[in-house]
Amino acid sequence: MSDSPNPYAPPSAAPSPAGAEWMANDPAALSRTAFGLSLVYYGILLILLSIILFFALGFVFGLAAILAVPGFLIGSILMFVGPLFCLTVPAETNAKGLIITAVVLQIINIVAVLLPFAGVDLAGFDSFVQIFSVLSSIFFVLFMRKLAIFIGREDLAKRASNILVGGLVSFFGAIASGVLAFLIGPAISLMLLVFAIVGIVIFVMYANLVNTLSKALKDARAPS
């Protein structure tokens, strides 16, 4: 464990030359990226709290919906807006394409969700709409990994890699469990529950990574 009084300081690695230059000479872009990550973090917290509130008040469905749905919607908006601020990262991070892809996929996901409300029949395609959100999350984690490497935070890059692997295992495990539960019977549904719990753990790890990376950028921006 690091003896540094600042928990967000790099444990050992130094940023790349371009990363050090960005943090020293482009505080505006650094600040916007950190702010964007903060928005994503608060969006995640709102969604988690809304889900907890919904199930806690599930016995009073109307009240649960009134209290939880607005928080879920606001959290979703924050998670969409946040990455837009991250588009200011320099090309030298090798993460510019990743964050652009994440944003584009999220826009496609939102459009696909809203089209049925506009009377557009997706003709069975609606079942695959969420895949865009999943792909967007994958690219956002890859973006954070590249950004962490750029500023010399190899520890955060490793955490991003672990989240990516764990998230993919949880996602495909849940799909496989759901298919098996349908084909074999409810006995296999325990596997689905296990993967769902793993998914929640990965989601919390994801939130912690977003928050820690945001604070690391803010600390780099702060005068020494």
Protein backbone atom coordinates (compact mmCIF):
# COMPACT_ATOMS: atom_id res chain seq x y z
CA MET A 1 0.00 0.00 0.00
CA SER A 2 1.27 3.46 -0.81
CA ASP A 3 2.47 5.74 2.01
CA SER A 4 1.41 8.79 0.04
CA PRO A 5 -0.99 11.10 1.93
CA ASN A 6 -2.97 11.39 -1.30
CA PRO A 7 -4.90 8.16 -2.01
CA TYR A 8 -5.35 9.17 -5.66
CA ALA A 9 -1.66 9.71 -6.38
CA PRO A 10 0.07 7.17 -8.64
CA PRO A 11 1.53 4.33 -6.51
CA SER A 12 4.72 4.09 -8.57
CA ALA A 13 4.35 4.67 -12.30
CA ALA A 14 4.92 8.03 -13.94
CA PRO A 15 2.67 9.41 -16.67
CA SER A 16 3.78 9.28 -20.26
CA PRO A 17 5.55 12.45 -21.48
CA ALA A 18 2.41 13.42 -23.39
CA GLY A 19 0.30 12.65 -20.33
CA ALA A 20 2.46 14.82 -18.09
CA GLU A 21 2.27 17.64 -20.65
CA TRP A 22 -1.52 17.36 -20.87
CA MET A 23 -1.96 17.44 -17.11
CA ALA A 24 0.40 20.40 -16.78
CA ASN A 25 -0.58 22.52 -19.78
CA ASP A 26 -4.22 21.79 -20.58
CA PRO A 27 -6.13 22.20 -17.31
CA ALA A 28 -9.39 23.02 -19.10
CA ALA A 29 -9.53 19.70 -20.98
CA LEU A 30 -8.33 17.88 -17.87
CA SER A 31 -11.09 19.51 -15.84
CA ARG A 32 -13.79 18.66 -18.39
CA THR A 33 -12.72 15.03 -18.53
CA ALA A 34 -12.70 14.78 -14.73
CA PHE A 35 -16.13 16.45 -14.61
CA GLY A 36 -17.49 14.04 -17.21
CA LEU A 37 -16.30 11.07 -15.17
CA SER A 38 -17.91 12.59 -12.07
CA LEU A 39 -21.23 12.87 -13.91
CA VAL A 40 -21.02 9.20 -14.87
CA TYR A 41 -20.26 8.29 -11.25
CA TYR A 42 -23.20 10.23 -9.85
CA GLY A 43 -25.42 8.76 -12.55
CA ILE A 44 -24.42 5.26 -11.47
CA LEU A 45 -25.15 6.11 -7.83
CA LEU A 46 -28.60 7.45 -8.73
CA ILE A 47 -29.44 4.34 -10.74
CA LEU A 48 -28.27 2.02 -7.95
CA LEU A 49 -30.23 3.97 -5.33
CA SER A 50 -33.31 3.99 -7.57
CA ILE A 51 -33.13 0.22 -8.05
CA ILE A 52 -32.73 -0.33 -4.30
CA LEU A 53 -35.63 2.03 -3.60
CA PHE A 54 -37.83 0.33 -6.18
CA PHE A 55 -37.35 -3.12 -4.66
CA ALA A 56 -37.58 -1.79 -1.09
CA LEU A 57 -40.97 -0.25 -1.90
CA GLY A 58 -42.04 -2.99 -4.29
CA PHE A 59 -45.06 -3.80 -2.14
CA VAL A 60 -46.41 -0.33 -2.97
CA PHE A 61 -45.81 -0.31 -6.71
CA GLY A 62 -47.22 3.16 -7.39
CA LEU A 63 -45.09 4.80 -4.71
CA ALA A 64 -42.01 2.83 -5.83
CA ALA A 65 -42.46 4.00 -9.40
CA ILE A 66 -43.04 7.63 -8.41
CA LEU A 67 -39.90 7.76 -6.26
CA ALA A 68 -37.56 5.48 -8.21
CA VAL A 69 -38.28 6.20 -11.87
CA PRO A 70 -37.23 9.90 -11.81
CA GLY A 71 -33.92 8.98 -10.16
CA PHE A 72 -33.34 6.25 -12.73
CA LEU A 73 -34.05 8.64 -15.61
CA ILE A 74 -31.83 11.40 -14.21
CA GLY A 75 -29.06 8.86 -13.56
CA SER A 76 -29.33 7.59 -17.13
CA ILE A 77 -29.07 11.16 -18.46
CA LEU A 78 -25.96 11.81 -16.36
CA MET A 79 -24.38 8.59 -17.63
CA PHE A 80 -25.03 9.75 -21.19
CA VAL A 81 -23.90 13.36 -20.75
CA GLY A 82 -20.75 12.49 -18.80
CA PRO A 83 -18.87 10.80 -21.65
CA LEU A 84 -19.54 13.84 -23.87
CA PHE A 85 -17.24 15.89 -21.64
CA CYS A 86 -14.59 13.16 -21.97
CA LEU A 87 -14.37 13.82 -25.73
CA THR A 88 -11.83 16.54 -24.89
CA VAL A 89 -9.05 14.01 -24.21
CA PRO A 90 -6.05 14.46 -26.54
CA ALA A 91 -5.46 12.08 -29.43
CA GLU A 92 -2.15 11.06 -27.83
CA THR A 93 -4.07 9.05 -25.24
CA ASN A 94 -5.04 6.57 -27.99
CA ALA A 95 -8.42 6.72 -26.26
CA LYS A 96 -10.11 9.31 -28.46
CA GLY A 97 -11.56 6.72 -30.82
CA LEU A 98 -12.75 4.60 -27.88
CA ILE A 99 -14.72 7.40 -26.22
CA ILE A 100 -16.18 8.51 -29.57
CA THR A 101 -17.32 4.95 -30.24
CA ALA A 102 -18.82 4.68 -26.75
CA VAL A 103 -20.80 7.88 -27.29
CA VAL A 104 -22.01 6.87 -30.75
CA LEU A 105 -23.17 3.46 -29.48
CA GLN A 106 -25.00 5.10 -26.61
CA ILE A 107 -26.76 7.47 -29.03
CA ILE A 108 -27.79 4.49 -31.17
CA ASN A 109 -29.13 2.77 -28.05
CA ILE A 110 -31.19 5.82 -27.04
CA VAL A 111 -32.59 6.26 -30.56
CA ALA A 112 -33.50 2.56 -30.71
CA VAL A 113 -35.27 2.80 -27.34
CA LEU A 114 -37.25 5.89 -28.37
CA LEU A 115 -38.25 4.75 -31.87
CA PRO A 116 -41.15 2.52 -30.70
CA PHE A 117 -42.64 5.51 -28.84
CA ALA A 118 -42.59 7.36 -32.17
CA GLY A 119 -44.57 4.53 -33.75
CA VAL A 120 -41.62 2.88 -35.51
CA ASP A 121 -41.85 -0.91 -35.52
CA LEU A 122 -38.42 -2.44 -35.02
CA ALA A 123 -39.75 -5.82 -36.20
CA GLY A 124 -38.10 -7.98 -33.54
CA PHE A 125 -34.92 -5.92 -33.47
CA ASP A 126 -36.02 -4.42 -30.13
CA SER A 127 -34.74 -7.55 -28.36
CA PHE A 128 -31.19 -6.58 -29.29
CA VAL A 129 -31.40 -2.90 -28.40
CA GLN A 130 -29.59 -3.30 -25.08
CA ILE A 131 -26.55 -4.74 -26.86
CA PHE A 132 -25.65 -1.19 -27.88
CA SER A 133 -25.62 -0.11 -24.24
CA VAL A 134 -23.42 -3.09 -23.33
CA LEU A 135 -21.00 -2.33 -26.16
CA SER A 136 -20.93 1.33 -25.15
CA SER A 137 -19.99 0.34 -21.59
CA ILE A 138 -17.22 -1.93 -22.90
CA PHE A 139 -15.71 0.86 -24.98
CA PHE A 140 -16.00 3.27 -22.04
CA VAL A 141 -14.06 0.88 -19.80
CA LEU A 142 -11.43 0.52 -22.54
CA PHE A 143 -11.33 4.33 -22.72
CA MET A 144 -10.70 4.57 -18.98
CA ARG A 145 -7.98 1.94 -19.22
CA LYS A 146 -6.15 3.88 -21.94
CA LEU A 147 -6.57 7.13 -20.02
CA ALA A 148 -5.24 5.55 -16.82
CA ILE A 149 -2.14 4.34 -18.68
CA PHE A 150 -1.70 7.78 -20.22
CA ILE A 151 -1.55 9.49 -16.81
CA GLY A 152 0.63 6.77 -15.31
CA ARG A 153 -2.01 4.94 -13.27
CA GLU A 154 -1.20 1.34 -14.13
CA ASP A 155 -3.14 0.24 -11.03
CA LEU A 156 -6.34 1.73 -12.42
CA ALA A 157 -5.61 0.25 -15.85
CA LYS A 158 -5.43 -3.21 -14.24
CA ARG A 159 -8.69 -2.57 -12.43
CA ALA A 160 -10.29 -1.63 -15.76
CA SER A 161 -9.03 -4.88 -17.30
CA ASN A 162 -10.45 -6.88 -14.38
CA ILE A 163 -13.80 -5.14 -14.70
CA LEU A 164 -13.89 -5.81 -18.43
CA VAL A 165 -13.16 -9.53 -18.00
CA GLY A 166 -15.54 -9.90 -15.05
CA GLY A 167 -18.29 -7.99 -16.83
CA LEU A 168 -18.04 -10.11 -19.96
CA VAL A 169 -18.05 -13.33 -17.92
CA SER A 170 -21.08 -12.13 -15.98
CA PHE A 171 -22.93 -10.98 -19.10
CA PHE A 172 -22.44 -14.14 -21.15
CA GLY A 173 -22.86 -16.33 -18.06
CA ALA A 174 -26.22 -14.72 -17.36
CA ILE A 175 -27.31 -15.25 -20.97
CA ALA A 176 -26.22 -18.91 -20.92
CA SER A 177 -27.96 -19.45 -17.57
CA GLY A 178 -31.16 -17.90 -18.90
CA VAL A 179 -31.13 -20.17 -21.95
CA LEU A 180 -30.44 -23.24 -19.81
CA ALA A 181 -33.18 -22.27 -17.37
CA PHE A 182 -35.61 -22.09 -20.29
CA LEU A 183 -34.49 -25.44 -21.76
CA ILE A 184 -33.84 -27.48 -18.62
CA GLY A 185 -35.98 -25.93 -15.93
CA PRO A 186 -35.91 -23.60 -12.92
CA ALA A 187 -33.20 -25.61 -11.12
CA ILE A 188 -30.56 -23.91 -13.27
CA SER A 189 -31.94 -20.49 -12.34
CA LEU A 190 -29.61 -20.49 -9.31
CA MET A 191 -26.77 -19.96 -11.78
CA LEU A 192 -28.61 -16.97 -13.16
CA LEU A 193 -28.86 -15.52 -9.66
CA VAL A 194 -25.14 -16.08 -9.09
CA PHE A 195 -24.20 -14.30 -12.31
CA ALA A 196 -26.63 -11.50 -11.48
CA ILE A 197 -24.90 -10.96 -8.12
CA VAL A 198 -21.51 -11.03 -9.84
CA GLY A 199 -22.82 -8.45 -12.29
CA ILE A 200 -23.85 -6.16 -9.41
CA VAL A 201 -20.37 -6.51 -7.87
CA ILE A 202 -18.77 -5.65 -11.22
CA PHE A 203 -21.08 -2.64 -11.54
CA VAL A 204 -19.96 -1.37 -8.11
CA MET A 205 -16.31 -1.91 -9.10
CA TYR A 206 -17.03 0.03 -12.28
CA ALA A 207 -18.44 2.92 -10.25
CA ASN A 208 -15.40 2.93 -7.97
CA LEU A 209 -13.06 3.00 -10.96
CA VAL A 210 -14.90 5.95 -12.52
CA ASN A 211 -14.78 7.84 -9.22
CA THR A 212 -11.10 7.10 -8.52
CA LEU A 213 -10.00 8.04 -12.03
CA SER A 214 -12.00 11.27 -11.83
CA LYS A 215 -10.37 12.19 -8.53
CA ALA A 216 -6.93 11.28 -9.87
CA LEU A 217 -7.44 13.74 -12.73
CA LYS A 218 -8.71 16.43 -10.35
CA ASP A 219 -5.68 15.92 -8.13
CA ALA A 220 -3.37 16.21 -11.13
CA ARG A 221 -5.08 19.48 -12.01
CA ALA A 222 -4.74 20.89 -8.50
CA PRO A 223 -1.70 23.07 -7.82
CA SER A 224 1.06 21.36 -5.87
